[in-house]
């Protein structure tokens, strides 16, 4: 394996380890139950009712704002455009961007590792449907 391949493997291992540590902190029965409940919702009206019961208005607005920021970052909008449209602070935009870049790097490098084994693999799509 060349130096680049070795570096990629080391970085993938570190990011996977870090991702695993972070994942273990949120992977609880309570979070599983929350996700199961969200996955069981069948309509937008059910979503409104559910989230009004489990979140404060500010929590829900903050979550939806971060989701909008993530979509705009994905569409390569500037921080200024995002801040003007969403009202998000540059600190919030930066935090969302950092998380997205980290996840994209993990997915890209994992796909790159597979691409070393399969040169026909297309590893430019992150697989996000939103």
N, C-alpha and C. Protein backbone atom coordinates (compact mmCIF):
# COMPACT_ATOMS: atom_id res chain seq x y z
N UNK A 1 0.85 -1.16 0.00
CA UNK A 1 0.00 0.00 0.00
C UNK A 1 0.91 1.24 0.00
N UNK A 2 0.53 2.24 -0.80
CA UNK A 2 1.34 3.45 -0.85
C UNK A 2 1.06 4.35 0.34
N UNK A 3 1.83 5.44 0.43
CA UNK A 3 1.70 6.35 1.58
C UNK A 3 0.30 6.98 1.65
N UNK A 4 -0.27 7.34 0.49
CA UNK A 4 -1.61 7.94 0.45
C UNK A 4 -2.65 6.95 0.98
N UNK A 5 -2.56 5.71 0.53
CA UNK A 5 -3.50 4.69 0.99
C UNK A 5 -3.39 4.47 2.49
N UNK A 6 -2.16 4.47 2.99
CA UNK A 6 -1.93 4.29 4.43
C UNK A 6 -2.51 5.45 5.22
N UNK A 7 -2.31 6.67 4.72
CA UNK A 7 -2.86 7.85 5.37
C UNK A 7 -4.38 7.79 5.39
N UNK A 8 -4.98 7.40 4.27
CA UNK A 8 -6.45 7.28 4.19
C UNK A 8 -6.97 6.28 5.21
N UNK A 9 -6.29 5.12 5.30
CA UNK A 9 -6.73 4.10 6.25
C UNK A 9 -6.63 4.61 7.69
N UNK A 10 -5.54 5.33 8.00
CA UNK A 10 -5.38 5.88 9.34
C UNK A 10 -6.48 6.89 9.65
N UNK A 11 -6.75 7.78 8.69
CA UNK A 11 -7.78 8.79 8.88
C UNK A 11 -9.16 8.15 9.02
N UNK A 12 -9.45 7.16 8.19
CA UNK A 12 -10.73 6.46 8.27
C UNK A 12 -10.88 5.80 9.63
N UNK A 13 -9.81 5.15 10.10
CA UNK A 13 -9.85 4.48 11.40
C UNK A 13 -10.12 5.49 12.51
N UNK A 14 -9.43 6.65 12.46
CA UNK A 14 -9.64 7.67 13.48
C UNK A 14 -11.08 8.20 13.43
N UNK A 15 -11.54 8.55 12.24
CA UNK A 15 -12.89 9.11 12.10
C UNK A 15 -13.95 8.09 12.49
N UNK A 16 -13.71 6.84 12.15
CA UNK A 16 -14.65 5.79 12.54
C UNK A 16 -14.68 5.63 14.05
N UNK A 17 -13.51 5.68 14.68
CA UNK A 17 -13.43 5.60 16.13
C UNK A 17 -14.17 6.76 16.76
N UNK A 18 -13.90 7.99 16.27
CA UNK A 18 -14.56 9.19 16.80
C UNK A 18 -16.07 9.10 16.59
N UNK A 19 -16.48 8.68 15.39
CA UNK A 19 -17.90 8.54 15.08
C UNK A 19 -18.54 7.51 16.01
N UNK A 20 -17.84 6.43 16.29
CA UNK A 20 -18.35 5.38 17.16
C UNK A 20 -18.53 5.89 18.59
N UNK A 21 -17.56 6.67 19.08
CA UNK A 21 -17.66 7.25 20.43
C UNK A 21 -18.87 8.17 20.51
N UNK A 22 -19.02 9.07 19.52
CA UNK A 22 -20.14 10.00 19.49
C UNK A 22 -21.45 9.22 19.38
N UNK A 23 -21.45 8.21 18.54
CA UNK A 23 -22.65 7.42 18.31
C UNK A 23 -23.10 6.72 19.59
N UNK A 24 -22.15 6.20 20.36
CA UNK A 24 -22.50 5.50 21.59
C UNK A 24 -23.13 6.43 22.61
N UNK A 25 -22.78 7.72 22.57
CA UNK A 25 -23.35 8.66 23.52
C UNK A 25 -24.83 8.89 23.26
N UNK A 26 -25.26 8.80 22.00
CA UNK A 26 -26.67 9.06 21.71
C UNK A 26 -27.47 7.78 21.51
N UNK A 27 -26.80 6.66 21.33
CA UNK A 27 -27.52 5.40 21.10
C UNK A 27 -27.99 4.82 22.43
N UNK A 28 -29.15 5.29 22.84
CA UNK A 28 -29.74 4.81 24.09
C UNK A 28 -31.14 4.29 23.77
N UNK A 29 -31.72 3.60 24.73
CA UNK A 29 -33.09 3.13 24.54
C UNK A 29 -34.05 4.28 24.34
N UNK A 30 -33.82 5.37 25.07
CA UNK A 30 -34.70 6.53 24.96
C UNK A 30 -34.64 7.14 23.54
N UNK A 31 -33.43 7.24 22.99
CA UNK A 31 -33.29 7.79 21.64
C UNK A 31 -33.88 6.83 20.62
N UNK A 32 -33.66 5.53 20.82
CA UNK A 32 -34.28 4.53 19.93
C UNK A 32 -35.80 4.69 19.93
N UNK A 33 -36.38 4.85 21.12
CA UNK A 33 -37.83 5.02 21.23
C UNK A 33 -38.29 6.29 20.51
N UNK A 34 -37.53 7.36 20.68
CA UNK A 34 -37.87 8.61 19.99
C UNK A 34 -37.85 8.41 18.48
N UNK A 35 -36.80 7.80 17.96
CA UNK A 35 -36.69 7.57 16.52
C UNK A 35 -37.80 6.65 16.02
N UNK A 36 -38.11 5.61 16.79
CA UNK A 36 -39.21 4.72 16.40
C UNK A 36 -40.53 5.49 16.32
N UNK A 37 -40.74 6.37 17.28
CA UNK A 37 -41.97 7.17 17.27
C UNK A 37 -42.01 8.08 16.05
N UNK A 38 -40.90 8.73 15.73
CA UNK A 38 -40.85 9.61 14.55
C UNK A 38 -41.10 8.79 13.28
N UNK A 39 -40.48 7.62 13.20
CA UNK A 39 -40.66 6.78 12.01
C UNK A 39 -42.08 6.26 11.85
N UNK A 40 -42.84 6.25 12.93
CA UNK A 40 -44.22 5.75 12.86
C UNK A 40 -45.21 6.82 12.40
N UNK A 41 -44.78 8.08 12.36
CA UNK A 41 -45.68 9.16 11.97
C UNK A 41 -46.04 9.04 10.49
N UNK A 42 -47.32 9.27 10.19
CA UNK A 42 -47.80 9.02 8.83
C UNK A 42 -48.19 10.27 8.06
N UNK A 43 -48.28 11.40 8.74
CA UNK A 43 -48.69 12.61 8.03
C UNK A 43 -48.01 13.83 8.65
N UNK A 44 -48.04 14.92 7.93
CA UNK A 44 -47.48 16.16 8.44
C UNK A 44 -48.23 16.59 9.70
N UNK A 45 -49.55 16.41 9.72
CA UNK A 45 -50.35 16.79 10.88
C UNK A 45 -49.94 15.98 12.11
N UNK A 46 -49.67 14.67 11.93
CA UNK A 46 -49.18 13.85 13.04
C UNK A 46 -47.83 14.37 13.53
N UNK A 47 -46.99 14.80 12.58
CA UNK A 47 -45.68 15.36 12.95
C UNK A 47 -45.85 16.62 13.79
N UNK A 48 -46.73 17.51 13.36
CA UNK A 48 -46.98 18.73 14.15
C UNK A 48 -47.42 18.37 15.57
N UNK A 49 -48.36 17.48 15.68
CA UNK A 49 -48.87 17.09 17.00
C UNK A 49 -47.77 16.48 17.85
N UNK A 50 -47.02 15.56 17.28
CA UNK A 50 -45.95 14.88 18.01
C UNK A 50 -44.90 15.88 18.49
N UNK A 51 -44.37 16.69 17.56
CA UNK A 51 -43.28 17.59 17.93
C UNK A 51 -43.74 18.71 18.86
N UNK A 52 -44.99 19.11 18.77
CA UNK A 52 -45.51 20.09 19.73
C UNK A 52 -45.56 19.49 21.13
N UNK A 53 -45.74 18.17 21.22
CA UNK A 53 -45.78 17.49 22.52
C UNK A 53 -44.38 17.28 23.11
N UNK A 54 -43.38 17.05 22.27
CA UNK A 54 -42.06 16.67 22.80
C UNK A 54 -41.02 17.80 22.75
N UNK A 55 -41.29 18.88 22.05
CA UNK A 55 -40.33 19.98 21.93
C UNK A 55 -40.97 21.29 22.33
N UNK A 56 -40.13 22.19 22.83
CA UNK A 56 -40.61 23.55 22.99
C UNK A 56 -40.65 24.18 21.60
N UNK A 57 -41.34 25.29 21.50
CA UNK A 57 -41.39 25.98 20.21
C UNK A 57 -39.98 26.37 19.76
N UNK A 58 -39.17 26.88 20.69
CA UNK A 58 -37.81 27.28 20.34
C UNK A 58 -36.95 26.11 19.88
N UNK A 59 -37.10 24.95 20.52
CA UNK A 59 -36.34 23.76 20.11
C UNK A 59 -36.71 23.35 18.70
N UNK A 60 -37.99 23.34 18.41
CA UNK A 60 -38.46 22.94 17.08
C UNK A 60 -38.01 23.95 16.02
N UNK A 61 -38.10 25.23 16.32
CA UNK A 61 -37.66 26.24 15.36
C UNK A 61 -36.15 26.16 15.14
N UNK A 62 -35.40 25.89 16.20
CA UNK A 62 -33.94 25.75 16.09
C UNK A 62 -33.58 24.55 15.23
N UNK A 63 -34.24 23.43 15.46
CA UNK A 63 -34.00 22.22 14.67
C UNK A 63 -34.33 22.46 13.20
N UNK A 64 -35.47 23.09 12.94
CA UNK A 64 -35.86 23.33 11.55
C UNK A 64 -34.92 24.34 10.89
N UNK A 65 -34.43 25.31 11.67
CA UNK A 65 -33.47 26.27 11.13
C UNK A 65 -32.17 25.58 10.73
N UNK A 66 -31.67 24.69 11.59
CA UNK A 66 -30.43 23.97 11.28
C UNK A 66 -30.61 23.07 10.05
N UNK A 67 -31.78 22.49 9.93
CA UNK A 67 -32.07 21.66 8.76
C UNK A 67 -32.06 22.51 7.49
N UNK A 68 -32.65 23.70 7.56
CA UNK A 68 -32.65 24.62 6.42
C UNK A 68 -31.22 25.06 6.08
N UNK A 69 -30.43 25.35 7.11
CA UNK A 69 -29.03 25.71 6.91
C UNK A 69 -28.29 24.59 6.20
N UNK A 70 -28.51 23.36 6.64
CA UNK A 70 -27.83 22.20 6.02
C UNK A 70 -28.21 22.08 4.54
N UNK A 71 -29.49 22.26 4.22
CA UNK A 71 -29.92 22.17 2.82
C UNK A 71 -29.28 23.28 2.00
N UNK A 72 -29.20 24.49 2.54
CA UNK A 72 -28.60 25.60 1.80
C UNK A 72 -27.09 25.41 1.63
N UNK A 73 -26.43 24.88 2.66
CA UNK A 73 -25.00 24.56 2.52
C UNK A 73 -24.80 23.52 1.43
N UNK A 74 -25.68 22.53 1.40
CA UNK A 74 -25.62 21.48 0.39
C UNK A 74 -25.78 22.08 -1.02
N UNK A 75 -26.58 23.16 -1.12
CA UNK A 75 -26.78 23.86 -2.40
C UNK A 75 -25.71 24.91 -2.65
N UNK A 76 -24.67 24.90 -1.82
CA UNK A 76 -23.50 25.77 -1.94
C UNK A 76 -23.84 27.26 -1.86
N UNK A 77 -24.79 27.59 -0.99
CA UNK A 77 -25.11 28.99 -0.73
C UNK A 77 -24.04 29.56 0.20
N UNK A 78 -23.84 30.87 0.14
CA UNK A 78 -22.84 31.51 1.00
C UNK A 78 -23.40 31.68 2.41
N UNK A 79 -22.49 31.87 3.38
CA UNK A 79 -22.91 32.11 4.75
C UNK A 79 -23.84 33.32 4.81
N UNK A 80 -23.51 34.37 4.05
CA UNK A 80 -24.33 35.57 4.06
C UNK A 80 -25.75 35.29 3.56
N UNK A 81 -25.86 34.55 2.45
CA UNK A 81 -27.18 34.19 1.92
C UNK A 81 -27.96 33.37 2.94
N UNK A 82 -27.27 32.43 3.58
CA UNK A 82 -27.93 31.56 4.56
C UNK A 82 -28.39 32.36 5.76
N UNK A 83 -27.51 33.23 6.26
CA UNK A 83 -27.86 34.04 7.43
C UNK A 83 -29.04 34.95 7.12
N UNK A 84 -29.04 35.56 5.94
CA UNK A 84 -30.14 36.46 5.58
C UNK A 84 -31.45 35.72 5.45
N UNK A 85 -31.43 34.53 4.85
CA UNK A 85 -32.68 33.80 4.63
C UNK A 85 -33.20 33.12 5.89
N UNK A 86 -32.29 32.56 6.69
CA UNK A 86 -32.72 31.75 7.84
C UNK A 86 -32.68 32.48 9.17
N UNK A 87 -31.88 33.55 9.23
CA UNK A 87 -31.69 34.24 10.51
C UNK A 87 -30.69 33.53 11.41
N UNK A 88 -30.06 32.48 10.91
CA UNK A 88 -29.07 31.74 11.70
C UNK A 88 -27.80 32.57 11.85
N UNK A 89 -27.16 32.44 13.00
CA UNK A 89 -25.89 33.13 13.21
C UNK A 89 -24.79 32.42 12.41
N UNK A 90 -23.70 33.14 12.17
CA UNK A 90 -22.59 32.51 11.44
C UNK A 90 -22.00 31.37 12.28
N UNK A 91 -22.09 31.46 13.60
CA UNK A 91 -21.60 30.37 14.46
C UNK A 91 -22.43 29.10 14.23
N UNK A 92 -23.75 29.25 14.13
CA UNK A 92 -24.62 28.10 13.87
C UNK A 92 -24.34 27.53 12.49
N UNK A 93 -24.21 28.39 11.50
CA UNK A 93 -23.94 27.94 10.13
C UNK A 93 -22.61 27.19 10.09
N UNK A 94 -21.60 27.73 10.76
CA UNK A 94 -20.28 27.10 10.81
C UNK A 94 -20.35 25.74 11.48
N UNK A 95 -21.10 25.64 12.58
CA UNK A 95 -21.24 24.36 13.31
C UNK A 95 -21.91 23.31 12.43
N UNK A 96 -22.98 23.69 11.74
CA UNK A 96 -23.66 22.75 10.84
C UNK A 96 -22.72 22.35 9.71
N UNK A 97 -22.01 23.32 9.16
CA UNK A 97 -21.07 23.03 8.06
C UNK A 97 -19.98 22.08 8.51
N UNK A 98 -19.42 22.30 9.70
CA UNK A 98 -18.35 21.44 10.21
C UNK A 98 -18.84 19.99 10.35
N UNK A 99 -20.06 19.83 10.86
CA UNK A 99 -20.62 18.48 11.00
C UNK A 99 -20.80 17.82 9.64
N UNK A 100 -21.31 18.59 8.68
CA UNK A 100 -21.52 18.03 7.34
C UNK A 100 -20.21 17.67 6.67
N UNK A 101 -19.19 18.52 6.81
CA UNK A 101 -17.89 18.25 6.20
C UNK A 101 -17.28 16.99 6.81
N UNK A 102 -17.40 16.85 8.14
CA UNK A 102 -16.85 15.66 8.81
C UNK A 102 -17.54 14.40 8.30
N UNK A 103 -18.87 14.42 8.21
CA UNK A 103 -19.59 13.24 7.74
C UNK A 103 -19.28 12.95 6.27
N UNK A 104 -19.21 14.00 5.44
CA UNK A 104 -18.87 13.80 4.03
C UNK A 104 -17.48 13.18 3.90
N UNK A 105 -16.54 13.62 4.74
CA UNK A 105 -15.18 13.09 4.70
C UNK A 105 -15.18 11.61 5.07
N UNK A 106 -15.92 11.26 6.11
CA UNK A 106 -15.99 9.85 6.52
C UNK A 106 -16.56 9.01 5.39
N UNK A 107 -17.71 9.46 4.82
CA UNK A 107 -18.34 8.69 3.74
C UNK A 107 -17.44 8.61 2.51
N UNK A 108 -16.80 9.72 2.15
CA UNK A 108 -15.93 9.75 0.98
C UNK A 108 -14.76 8.79 1.16
N UNK A 109 -14.12 8.85 2.33
CA UNK A 109 -12.95 7.99 2.55
C UNK A 109 -13.34 6.52 2.65
N UNK A 110 -14.50 6.24 3.24
CA UNK A 110 -14.95 4.84 3.27
C UNK A 110 -15.21 4.35 1.85
N UNK A 111 -15.86 5.18 1.05
CA UNK A 111 -16.10 4.82 -0.34
C UNK A 111 -14.80 4.73 -1.12
N UNK A 112 -13.84 5.63 -0.81
CA UNK A 112 -12.55 5.59 -1.47
C UNK A 112 -11.84 4.27 -1.19
N UNK A 113 -11.93 3.83 0.08
CA UNK A 113 -11.32 2.55 0.45
C UNK A 113 -11.94 1.43 -0.37
N UNK A 114 -13.28 1.45 -0.52
CA UNK A 114 -13.95 0.45 -1.35
C UNK A 114 -13.54 0.60 -2.80
N UNK A 115 -13.34 1.86 -3.25
CA UNK A 115 -12.93 2.12 -4.63
C UNK A 115 -11.56 1.55 -4.94
N UNK A 116 -10.70 1.45 -3.93
CA UNK A 116 -9.39 0.82 -4.14
C UNK A 116 -9.57 -0.64 -4.50
N UNK A 117 -10.64 -1.25 -3.96
CA UNK A 117 -10.94 -2.65 -4.25
C UNK A 117 -11.78 -2.77 -5.52
N UNK A 118 -12.60 -1.74 -5.81
CA UNK A 118 -13.50 -1.77 -6.96
C UNK A 118 -13.38 -0.45 -7.72
N UNK A 119 -12.53 -0.39 -8.76
CA UNK A 119 -12.29 0.87 -9.47
C UNK A 119 -13.53 1.43 -10.18
N UNK A 120 -14.58 0.62 -10.37
CA UNK A 120 -15.79 1.10 -11.05
C UNK A 120 -16.78 1.78 -10.10
N UNK A 121 -16.45 1.81 -8.80
CA UNK A 121 -17.36 2.38 -7.81
C UNK A 121 -17.41 3.90 -7.95
N UNK A 122 -18.63 4.46 -7.97
CA UNK A 122 -18.82 5.90 -8.01
C UNK A 122 -18.96 6.36 -6.56
N UNK A 123 -17.96 7.12 -6.06
CA UNK A 123 -18.02 7.50 -4.66
C UNK A 123 -18.13 9.01 -4.46
N UNK A 124 -18.87 9.67 -5.38
CA UNK A 124 -19.06 11.11 -5.23
C UNK A 124 -20.38 11.45 -4.57
N UNK A 125 -21.31 10.53 -4.45
CA UNK A 125 -22.62 10.79 -3.85
C UNK A 125 -22.59 10.41 -2.38
N UNK A 126 -23.02 11.34 -1.51
CA UNK A 126 -23.01 11.05 -0.08
C UNK A 126 -24.17 10.18 0.35
N UNK A 127 -25.17 10.04 -0.51
CA UNK A 127 -26.30 9.21 -0.17
C UNK A 127 -27.38 9.92 0.62
N UNK A 128 -27.21 11.21 0.87
CA UNK A 128 -28.24 11.96 1.60
C UNK A 128 -29.43 12.21 0.68
N UNK A 129 -30.61 11.94 1.19
CA UNK A 129 -31.81 12.14 0.37
C UNK A 129 -32.45 13.50 0.60
N UNK A 130 -31.99 14.24 1.56
CA UNK A 130 -32.62 15.53 1.86
C UNK A 130 -31.91 16.61 1.12
